[in-house]
């Protein structure tokens, strides 16, 4: 099975230390009804590594919504998704099954699901099936906002076609977030096209670490969170040094580093 990472020449980048890390905004309601929302994106490599380390990392990040890539697909996927949701203090919002083909959305009980838009993508013969996990959500008095978790192809041509399909997960003018493992670097054609249309959250409000692969020598950025223009990005990056997120757990949990973003979703109306 191919390694789910594009090639690049390594160049070690030291992670942020806890004393260097600015305070991350908390989630919660604002006086006008807007909501600060923490969104975590994480490729969990089908839960093949240290599950308890993974659970500790997710819980320490205190996300409202978790965008999972490579959730287990072949052996009791619903049961394993439910286990991960329960252990991290979440519920399953969408994805995780045959249609989404790996991506999964988890969220807190306070997150209301208004609609599910999971999508199985056109498949190139001989390559993995891919899909999008998408749900239209609302938290408290916020406007409805869509969230998509994605894991794009290793094949450049197929991946570019998948990038082009991502905007179709949102209705026109709808606030939303796209988070995932894009298997492409920021100078790639698909990434550049998406960044021209949406906000690359770490570029807009850098916080924590930048590179997401590989955990023991992070030298490339292939995981990210994008936000529509109607969403305010407050902070985004790899949570090195966040209280409760230990370097040992980041190494043991999976073969990617997580990306944690805090965004402001406008109030309804």
Protein backbone atom coordinates (compact mmCIF):
# COMPACT_ATOMS: atom_id res chain seq x y z
CA UNK A 1 0.00 0.00 0.00
CA UNK A 2 1.49 3.42 -0.90
CA UNK A 3 2.44 5.80 1.86
CA UNK A 4 -0.14 8.58 1.99
CA UNK A 5 2.40 11.41 1.65
CA UNK A 6 3.84 13.17 -1.39
CA UNK A 7 7.64 13.15 -1.71
CA UNK A 8 9.69 16.13 -0.63
CA UNK A 9 13.21 16.82 0.51
CA UNK A 10 13.25 16.86 4.32
CA UNK A 11 14.39 19.85 6.30
CA UNK A 12 13.72 19.64 10.05
CA UNK A 13 11.72 22.46 11.62
CA UNK A 14 11.76 22.79 15.42
CA UNK A 15 8.26 22.72 16.95
CA UNK A 16 7.01 25.59 19.04
CA UNK A 17 7.76 25.38 22.75
CA UNK A 18 4.95 25.87 25.25
CA UNK A 19 6.45 29.15 26.48
CA UNK A 20 6.53 30.44 22.86
CA UNK A 21 2.91 29.59 22.11
CA UNK A 22 0.35 32.42 22.22
CA UNK A 23 -2.82 31.61 24.12
CA UNK A 24 -5.36 29.85 21.92
CA UNK A 25 -8.85 31.41 21.95
CA UNK A 26 -11.45 29.26 23.66
CA UNK A 27 -14.65 28.20 21.99
CA UNK A 28 -17.95 29.73 23.06
CA UNK A 29 -20.70 32.20 22.35
CA UNK A 30 -20.19 35.91 21.80
CA UNK A 31 -22.72 38.61 22.84
CA UNK A 32 -24.09 39.02 19.30
CA UNK A 33 -24.80 35.29 18.91
CA UNK A 34 -21.65 34.50 16.92
CA UNK A 35 -19.72 31.41 17.97
CA UNK A 36 -16.01 30.80 18.41
CA UNK A 37 -15.51 27.23 17.20
CA UNK A 38 -12.48 24.97 17.60
CA UNK A 39 -11.99 22.63 14.64
CA UNK A 40 -9.43 19.83 14.65
CA UNK A 41 -8.27 18.07 11.47
CA UNK A 42 -6.44 14.75 11.94
CA UNK A 43 -5.39 11.83 9.75
CA UNK A 44 -5.59 8.88 12.17
CA UNK A 45 -4.18 6.14 9.89
CA UNK A 46 -7.15 3.81 10.46
CA UNK A 47 -6.47 3.64 14.22
CA UNK A 48 -3.45 1.39 13.56
CA UNK A 49 -1.17 3.16 16.03
CA UNK A 50 -1.47 4.05 19.73
CA UNK A 51 -5.18 4.66 20.19
CA UNK A 52 -4.86 5.95 23.72
CA UNK A 53 -2.27 8.53 22.64
CA UNK A 54 -4.63 9.61 19.86
CA UNK A 55 -7.51 10.00 22.30
CA UNK A 56 -5.34 12.11 24.63
CA UNK A 57 -4.29 14.43 21.80
CA UNK A 58 -7.87 14.96 20.59
CA UNK A 59 -9.23 15.56 24.08
CA UNK A 60 -6.43 18.01 24.96
CA UNK A 61 -7.28 20.11 21.87
CA UNK A 62 -10.88 20.51 23.14
CA UNK A 63 -12.41 20.68 19.65
CA UNK A 64 -16.06 21.37 18.95
CA UNK A 65 -15.79 19.64 15.57
CA UNK A 66 -13.25 16.97 14.55
CA UNK A 67 -12.48 16.35 10.86
CA UNK A 68 -11.01 12.86 10.65
CA UNK A 69 -9.20 11.36 7.68
CA UNK A 70 -8.47 7.64 7.30
CA UNK A 71 -11.10 6.45 9.73
CA UNK A 72 -11.31 2.62 9.62
CA UNK A 73 -13.16 1.51 6.50
CA UNK A 74 -13.03 -2.28 6.27
CA UNK A 75 -13.57 -3.85 9.70
CA UNK A 76 -16.67 -2.70 11.60
CA UNK A 77 -16.22 0.96 10.57
CA UNK A 78 -19.37 2.19 12.32
CA UNK A 79 -18.35 0.51 15.57
CA UNK A 80 -14.84 1.95 15.43
CA UNK A 81 -16.13 5.44 14.61
CA UNK A 82 -18.50 5.19 17.58
CA UNK A 83 -15.59 4.08 19.82
CA UNK A 84 -13.49 7.07 18.79
CA UNK A 85 -16.38 9.47 19.24
CA UNK A 86 -17.21 8.11 22.68
CA UNK A 87 -13.61 8.10 23.94
CA UNK A 88 -13.00 11.66 22.79
CA UNK A 89 -16.26 13.03 24.20
CA UNK A 90 -17.99 13.43 20.85
CA UNK A 91 -20.72 11.97 18.67
CA UNK A 92 -20.62 11.01 14.99
CA UNK A 93 -21.96 13.82 12.78
CA UNK A 94 -21.43 12.37 9.31
CA UNK A 95 -19.09 10.30 7.15
CA UNK A 96 -17.13 7.24 8.10
CA UNK A 97 -19.06 4.84 5.88
CA UNK A 98 -19.04 3.58 2.31
CA UNK A 99 -20.02 6.94 0.77
CA UNK A 100 -17.46 9.16 2.52
CA UNK A 101 -14.80 6.42 2.09
CA UNK A 102 -12.63 7.36 5.06
CA UNK A 103 -13.34 10.96 6.09
CA UNK A 104 -15.45 11.31 9.24
CA UNK A 105 -16.94 14.22 11.19
CA UNK A 106 -17.26 14.13 14.97
CA UNK A 107 -18.64 16.85 17.22
CA UNK A 108 -19.80 17.84 20.67
CA UNK A 109 -23.37 17.27 21.76
CA UNK A 110 -24.01 21.01 21.42
CA UNK A 111 -23.46 20.77 17.64
CA UNK A 112 -26.73 20.46 15.71
CA UNK A 113 -26.68 18.64 12.37
CA UNK A 114 -29.04 20.31 9.89
CA UNK A 115 -28.09 18.24 6.83
CA UNK A 116 -25.60 15.58 5.71
CA UNK A 117 -23.90 15.91 2.31
CA UNK A 118 -21.48 12.97 2.21
CA UNK A 119 -20.24 12.22 -1.29
CA UNK A 120 -18.42 9.32 -2.96
CA UNK A 121 -16.05 10.68 -5.61
CA UNK A 122 -15.41 9.37 -9.13
CA UNK A 123 -12.73 6.70 -8.90
CA UNK A 124 -9.72 6.04 -11.10
CA UNK A 125 -9.21 2.33 -11.69
CA UNK A 126 -6.47 0.93 -9.50
CA UNK A 127 -6.56 3.81 -6.99
CA UNK A 128 -8.26 4.11 -3.60
CA UNK A 129 -11.90 5.12 -3.40
CA UNK A 130 -12.20 8.64 -2.01
CA UNK A 131 -15.07 10.68 -0.63
CA UNK A 132 -16.07 13.80 1.27
CA UNK A 133 -17.72 13.85 4.70
CA UNK A 134 -19.81 17.03 4.87
CA UNK A 135 -22.45 18.25 7.28
CA UNK A 136 -24.36 21.51 7.63
CA UNK A 137 -24.07 22.46 11.29
CA UNK A 138 -25.27 25.05 13.78
CA UNK A 139 -24.00 25.81 17.27
CA UNK A 140 -26.18 27.93 19.54
CA UNK A 141 -27.14 31.16 17.81
CA UNK A 142 -24.66 30.85 14.97
CA UNK A 143 -25.55 30.90 11.31
CA UNK A 144 -25.64 27.44 9.72
CA UNK A 145 -22.16 26.53 8.48
CA UNK A 146 -20.88 23.60 6.43
CA UNK A 147 -17.83 21.51 7.33
CA UNK A 148 -16.09 19.11 4.96
CA UNK A 149 -13.43 16.55 5.87
CA UNK A 150 -11.44 15.27 2.90
CA UNK A 151 -8.47 13.06 2.03
CA UNK A 152 -7.33 13.64 -1.54
CA UNK A 153 -5.61 11.31 -3.98
CA UNK A 154 -1.92 10.62 -4.32
CA UNK A 155 -2.34 10.74 -8.11
CA UNK A 156 -1.82 14.36 -9.30
CA UNK A 157 -4.47 14.33 -12.04
CA UNK A 158 -7.14 12.71 -9.87
CA UNK A 159 -6.23 14.96 -6.95
CA UNK A 160 -6.68 18.10 -9.04
CA UNK A 161 -10.15 16.93 -10.07
CA UNK A 162 -10.99 16.34 -6.39
CA UNK A 163 -9.80 19.83 -5.45
CA UNK A 164 -12.15 21.20 -8.10
CA UNK A 165 -15.11 19.34 -6.55
CA UNK A 166 -14.63 20.70 -3.02
CA UNK A 167 -16.44 24.05 -3.52
CA UNK A 168 -19.51 22.11 -4.62
CA UNK A 169 -19.97 20.90 -1.03
CA UNK A 170 -21.14 24.41 -0.05
CA UNK A 171 -24.22 26.33 -1.10
CA UNK A 172 -23.54 29.81 -2.57
CA UNK A 173 -22.71 32.32 0.15
CA UNK A 174 -22.73 29.68 2.89
CA UNK A 175 -20.12 29.96 5.67
CA UNK A 176 -17.97 26.87 5.76
CA UNK A 177 -14.71 25.05 6.44
CA UNK A 178 -12.76 22.48 4.46
CA UNK A 179 -10.24 20.47 6.46
CA UNK A 180 -8.13 17.52 5.51
CA UNK A 181 -5.10 15.71 4.24
CA UNK A 182 -4.64 17.19 0.76
CA UNK A 183 -1.59 15.10 -0.22
CA UNK A 184 -0.22 18.24 -1.86
CA UNK A 185 2.04 21.10 -0.84
CA UNK A 186 0.91 24.75 -0.79
CA UNK A 187 2.66 25.43 -4.11
CA UNK A 188 0.65 22.70 -5.88
CA UNK A 189 -1.99 23.65 -8.47
CA UNK A 190 -4.98 22.34 -6.52
CA UNK A 191 -3.91 23.95 -3.26
CA UNK A 192 -3.24 27.29 -4.99
CA UNK A 193 -6.66 27.17 -6.64
CA UNK A 194 -8.42 26.49 -3.33
CA UNK A 195 -6.40 29.17 -1.52
CA UNK A 196 -7.39 31.72 -4.17
CA UNK A 197 -11.02 31.09 -3.32
CA UNK A 198 -10.92 30.41 0.43
CA UNK A 199 -8.76 31.43 3.37
CA UNK A 200 -5.81 29.15 4.16
CA UNK A 201 -6.32 29.38 7.90
CA UNK A 202 -2.69 28.88 8.99
CA UNK A 203 -1.53 31.55 6.54
CA UNK A 204 -4.21 33.99 7.72
CA UNK A 205 -3.73 33.48 11.48
CA UNK A 206 -0.58 31.41 12.10
CA UNK A 207 -0.33 29.72 15.49
CA UNK A 208 1.64 26.68 16.67
CA UNK A 209 3.51 24.61 14.09
CA UNK A 210 3.34 24.67 10.31
CA UNK A 211 4.47 21.29 9.00
CA UNK A 212 2.26 18.24 9.51
CA UNK A 213 4.31 15.34 8.15
CA UNK A 214 6.02 13.33 9.47
CA UNK A 215 5.67 13.54 13.26
CA UNK A 216 9.28 12.64 14.10
CA UNK A 217 10.68 15.09 11.53
CA UNK A 218 8.00 17.53 10.34
CA UNK A 219 9.26 18.86 7.02
CA UNK A 220 6.17 19.28 4.82
CA UNK A 221 2.72 20.81 5.05
CA UNK A 222 0.05 18.62 3.46
CA UNK A 223 -2.79 19.00 6.02
CA UNK A 224 -4.75 22.22 6.40
CA UNK A 225 -7.98 24.02 7.20
CA UNK A 226 -9.60 26.41 4.71
CA UNK A 227 -12.41 28.85 5.54
CA UNK A 228 -14.90 30.70 3.36
CA UNK A 229 -14.66 34.51 3.31
CA UNK A 230 -17.58 34.83 5.75
CA UNK A 231 -15.67 33.04 8.52
CA UNK A 232 -13.13 34.90 10.67
CA UNK A 233 -9.99 32.84 11.36
CA UNK A 234 -8.60 33.51 14.84
CA UNK A 235 -5.75 30.97 14.99
CA UNK A 236 -4.59 27.83 13.20
CA UNK A 237 -1.65 25.43 13.35
CA UNK A 238 -0.17 22.23 14.74
CA UNK A 239 -0.76 22.26 18.52
CA UNK A 240 2.85 21.79 19.63
CA UNK A 241 3.10 22.94 23.25
CA UNK A 242 -0.65 23.11 23.86
CA UNK A 243 -1.28 22.02 27.46
CA UNK A 244 -2.02 18.29 27.52
CA UNK A 245 -0.56 17.63 24.05
CA UNK A 246 2.70 15.79 24.69
CA UNK A 247 5.42 15.26 22.05
CA UNK A 248 5.37 11.55 22.90
CA UNK A 249 1.65 11.29 22.16
CA UNK A 250 2.02 13.16 18.86
CA UNK A 251 4.67 10.66 17.81
CA UNK A 252 2.71 7.61 18.92
CA UNK A 253 -0.81 8.53 17.80
CA UNK A 254 -0.52 8.35 13.98
CA UNK A 255 1.74 9.28 11.05
CA UNK A 256 0.42 12.87 10.70
CA UNK A 257 0.33 15.83 13.03
CA UNK A 258 -3.07 17.41 13.73
CA UNK A 259 -4.13 20.89 12.67
CA UNK A 260 -6.18 22.89 15.19
CA UNK A 261 -8.09 26.01 14.13
CA UNK A 262 -10.27 28.49 16.00
CA UNK A 263 -12.76 30.38 13.86
CA UNK A 264 -15.60 32.80 14.43
CA UNK A 265 -18.89 31.79 12.83
CA UNK A 266 -21.26 34.76 12.42
CA UNK A 267 -24.60 34.91 14.16
CA UNK A 268 -27.77 33.76 12.41
CA UNK A 269 -29.65 36.35 10.44
